[in-house]
Amino acid sequence: MIEYLILGLIVLGVLYVLATYNKFQTTKRRIEASVQEIGNQLKRQADLIPNLVESVKGYMKHEKDIFKDLTDARKAAMQAIDTGSAQKMLDVSAKLANALAPIRAVFESTPELQAAGPTNQLMEELRDTADKVMYSRRILIDLTADYNIMVVTVPSSIIAGMFSFTKMAGLKVEGIEENLQVSKEELKTPKVKLN
């Protein structure tokens, strides 16, 4: 009888090790897929930019620097996608967003441009892509957090040690250190004035 109990405990232990190992591997693959999705969306955005630039150029002849910034941001995006580094892709994503901001401002302030079907469609596609990049970032952050929790909590940390699973670096956000502090000013309720 005791032999069966010991055998049952061994089988349960082996099943736990296998299940935990598989969970680590599954989470790692989902993190990799999430990084690929960020790259996919950034590539989509970079591919849309030349069409948007051509649509808006006539209305912005005086803003040559904007187009240069946009072209540079697009090239940087394509290079970051080729590296496969999530952090590089997200850094470039911010650069792309900054380069697109002046075009969005012109678009929103120019009724003729808003009325142009292709330009309007491209702006919608860019907004949609930006939303998808943010969603992909959120998934990547959540998956990395779940994985890192498994690496440091008992009993999964034992399995992590056995199979050399180590903590994965999360995404770095420019200007935010490990310990985020909120100032008193940031805690104040914002005041809104409508004219």
Protein backbone atom coordinates (compact mmCIF):
# COMPACT_ATOMS: atom_id res chain seq x y z
CA MET A 1 0.00 0.00 0.00
CA ILE A 2 2.81 2.41 0.89
CA GLU A 3 4.53 1.55 -2.39
CA TYR A 4 1.42 2.72 -4.29
CA LEU A 5 1.29 5.93 -2.27
CA ILE A 6 4.97 6.63 -2.96
CA LEU A 7 4.52 5.73 -6.62
CA GLY A 8 1.46 8.03 -6.79
CA LEU A 9 3.44 10.90 -5.25
CA ILE A 10 6.29 10.36 -7.71
CA VAL A 11 3.86 10.33 -10.64
CA LEU A 12 2.22 13.52 -9.34
CA GLY A 13 5.64 15.13 -8.93
CA VAL A 14 6.68 14.21 -12.46
CA LEU A 15 3.34 15.48 -13.84
CA TYR A 16 3.81 18.77 -11.97
CA VAL A 17 7.34 19.18 -13.33
CA LEU A 18 6.13 18.47 -16.87
CA ALA A 19 3.15 20.82 -16.57
CA THR A 20 5.29 23.64 -15.16
CA TYR A 21 8.00 23.11 -17.78
CA ASN A 22 5.37 23.25 -20.51
CA LYS A 23 3.89 26.41 -19.03
CA PHE A 24 7.32 28.08 -19.07
CA GLN A 25 7.87 27.04 -22.69
CA THR A 26 4.37 28.12 -23.74
CA THR A 27 4.76 31.53 -22.12
CA LYS A 28 8.17 32.03 -23.76
CA ARG A 29 6.69 31.23 -27.18
CA ARG A 30 3.77 33.59 -26.58
CA ILE A 31 6.24 36.34 -25.64
CA GLU A 32 8.14 35.70 -28.88
CA ALA A 33 4.86 35.80 -30.84
CA SER A 34 3.95 39.06 -29.14
CA VAL A 35 7.27 40.59 -30.18
CA GLN A 36 6.64 39.42 -33.74
CA GLU A 37 3.17 41.01 -33.68
CA ILE A 38 4.65 44.33 -32.59
CA GLY A 39 7.08 44.10 -35.51
CA ASN A 40 4.24 43.15 -37.85
CA GLN A 41 2.17 46.19 -36.85
CA LEU A 42 5.17 48.54 -37.06
CA LYS A 43 5.92 47.22 -40.55
CA ARG A 44 2.31 47.83 -41.51
CA GLN A 45 2.55 51.37 -40.19
CA ALA A 46 5.86 51.95 -41.98
CA ASP A 47 4.33 50.66 -45.22
CA LEU A 48 1.37 53.05 -44.90
CA ILE A 49 3.55 56.10 -44.34
CA PRO A 50 4.71 56.65 -47.96
CA ASN A 51 1.07 56.65 -49.13
CA LEU A 52 0.10 59.10 -46.42
CA VAL A 53 3.04 61.34 -47.24
CA GLU A 54 2.04 61.48 -50.90
CA SER A 55 -1.56 62.25 -49.97
CA VAL A 56 -0.61 65.09 -47.65
CA LYS A 57 2.37 66.59 -49.52
CA GLY A 58 0.34 69.05 -51.56
CA TYR A 59 -1.14 70.54 -48.41
CA MET A 60 2.16 70.76 -46.59
CA LYS A 61 4.66 72.08 -49.13
CA HIS A 62 6.17 74.36 -46.48
CA GLU A 63 6.88 71.48 -44.05
CA LYS A 64 9.80 69.63 -45.68
CA ASP A 65 11.34 68.75 -42.30
CA ILE A 66 8.26 66.76 -41.37
CA PHE A 67 8.68 64.50 -44.38
CA LYS A 68 12.37 64.01 -43.66
CA ASP A 69 11.58 63.06 -40.04
CA LEU A 70 8.91 60.68 -41.23
CA THR A 71 11.22 59.04 -43.76
CA ASP A 72 13.94 58.67 -41.12
CA ALA A 73 11.45 57.18 -38.65
CA ARG A 74 10.22 54.72 -41.27
CA LYS A 75 13.79 53.60 -42.06
CA ALA A 76 14.50 53.17 -38.35
CA ALA A 77 11.32 51.11 -37.98
CA MET A 78 12.32 48.76 -40.76
CA GLN A 79 15.80 48.33 -39.22
CA ALA A 80 14.33 47.65 -35.77
CA ILE A 81 11.95 45.07 -37.20
CA ASP A 82 14.90 43.28 -38.82
CA THR A 83 16.66 43.02 -35.43
CA GLY A 84 13.65 41.35 -33.79
CA SER A 85 14.32 43.26 -30.57
CA ALA A 86 11.08 44.24 -28.86
CA GLN A 87 12.75 47.14 -27.09
CA LYS A 88 14.20 48.57 -30.31
CA MET A 89 10.84 48.20 -32.04
CA LEU A 90 9.04 50.00 -29.24
CA ASP A 91 11.60 52.79 -29.17
CA VAL A 92 11.08 53.26 -32.90
CA SER A 93 7.33 53.17 -32.38
CA ALA A 94 7.62 56.28 -30.25
CA LYS A 95 9.77 57.93 -32.93
CA LEU A 96 7.13 57.11 -35.55
CA ALA A 97 4.36 58.53 -33.38
CA ASN A 98 6.31 61.77 -32.92
CA ALA A 99 6.95 62.04 -36.65
CA LEU A 100 3.27 61.49 -37.44
CA ALA A 101 2.00 64.07 -34.93
CA PRO A 102 2.50 67.13 -37.21
CA ILE A 103 0.72 65.38 -40.08
CA ARG A 104 -2.18 64.52 -37.79
CA ALA A 105 -2.38 68.17 -36.74
CA VAL A 106 -2.50 69.33 -40.35
CA PHE A 107 -5.05 66.65 -41.19
CA GLU A 108 -7.32 67.66 -38.33
CA SER A 109 -7.08 71.37 -39.19
CA THR A 110 -7.57 71.04 -42.94
CA PRO A 111 -11.16 70.23 -44.00
CA GLU A 112 -10.13 69.59 -47.62
CA LEU A 113 -7.68 66.95 -46.47
CA GLN A 114 -10.22 65.32 -44.18
CA ALA A 115 -12.67 65.14 -47.05
CA ALA A 116 -10.16 63.32 -49.28
CA GLY A 117 -11.20 59.67 -49.05
CA PRO A 118 -7.78 58.01 -49.44
CA THR A 119 -6.11 60.35 -46.96
CA ASN A 120 -8.87 59.84 -44.43
CA GLN A 121 -8.62 56.08 -44.88
CA LEU A 122 -4.84 56.16 -44.41
CA MET A 123 -5.19 58.19 -41.21
CA GLU A 124 -7.72 55.67 -39.90
CA GLU A 125 -5.36 52.82 -40.78
CA LEU A 126 -2.51 54.56 -38.95
CA ARG A 127 -4.69 55.09 -35.87
CA ASP A 128 -5.80 51.46 -35.99
CA THR A 129 -2.21 50.28 -36.29
CA ALA A 130 -1.10 52.47 -33.38
CA ASP A 131 -3.89 50.94 -31.27
CA LYS A 132 -2.77 47.45 -32.26
CA VAL A 133 0.84 48.25 -31.32
CA MET A 134 -0.32 49.46 -27.90
CA TYR A 135 -2.41 46.31 -27.46
CA SER A 136 0.55 44.12 -28.45
CA ARG A 137 2.75 46.00 -25.97
CA ARG A 138 0.21 45.34 -23.22
CA ILE A 139 0.17 41.63 -24.04
CA LEU A 140 3.97 41.51 -24.06
CA ILE A 141 4.16 43.30 -20.71
CA ASP A 142 1.57 40.95 -19.16
CA LEU A 143 3.19 37.79 -20.52
CA THR A 144 6.64 38.87 -19.35
CA ALA A 145 5.26 39.66 -15.89
CA ASP A 146 3.53 36.26 -15.67
CA TYR A 147 6.71 34.48 -16.79
CA ASN A 148 8.89 36.39 -14.31
CA ILE A 149 6.46 35.65 -11.47
CA MET A 150 6.75 31.94 -12.25
CA VAL A 151 10.56 32.20 -12.24
CA VAL A 152 10.67 33.70 -8.73
CA THR A 153 7.77 32.02 -6.91
CA VAL A 154 7.86 28.66 -5.19
CA PRO A 155 7.42 25.88 -6.32
CA SER A 156 7.72 26.90 -9.99
CA SER A 157 11.06 28.57 -9.21
CA ILE A 158 12.47 25.11 -8.48
CA ILE A 159 11.52 23.95 -11.97
CA ALA A 160 12.89 27.22 -13.38
CA GLY A 161 16.22 26.51 -11.72
CA MET A 162 16.28 22.89 -12.92
CA PHE A 163 15.78 23.91 -16.55
CA SER A 164 17.66 27.25 -16.48
CA PHE A 165 14.64 29.49 -17.00
CA THR A 166 15.71 32.98 -15.97
CA LYS A 167 13.88 36.28 -15.62
CA MET A 168 13.20 38.06 -18.87
CA ALA A 169 13.78 41.77 -19.23
CA GLY A 170 10.59 43.73 -19.45
CA LEU A 171 10.03 46.68 -21.70
CA LYS A 172 11.85 49.83 -20.72
CA VAL A 173 9.89 53.03 -20.83
CA GLU A 174 11.96 56.13 -21.40
CA GLY A 175 12.09 58.30 -18.29
CA ILE A 176 10.76 55.63 -15.93
CA GLU A 177 13.12 53.86 -13.59
CA GLU A 178 12.41 50.66 -11.71
CA ASN A 179 10.53 52.45 -8.92
CA LEU A 180 7.90 54.75 -10.31
CA GLN A 181 7.03 57.69 -8.08
CA VAL A 182 4.00 59.90 -8.43
CA SER A 183 4.35 63.52 -7.36
CA LYS A 184 1.76 65.46 -5.37
CA GLU A 185 1.18 67.61 -8.45
CA GLU A 186 0.26 64.53 -10.48
CA LEU A 187 -2.26 63.45 -7.83
CA LYS A 188 -4.26 66.68 -8.10
CA THR A 189 -7.57 66.59 -9.93
CA PRO A 190 -7.18 68.25 -13.33
CA LYS A 191 -9.23 71.36 -13.97
CA VAL A 192 -11.03 71.59 -17.28
CA LYS A 193 -12.21 74.91 -18.70
CA LEU A 194 -14.54 75.01 -21.65
CA ASN A 195 -14.85 78.33 -23.48
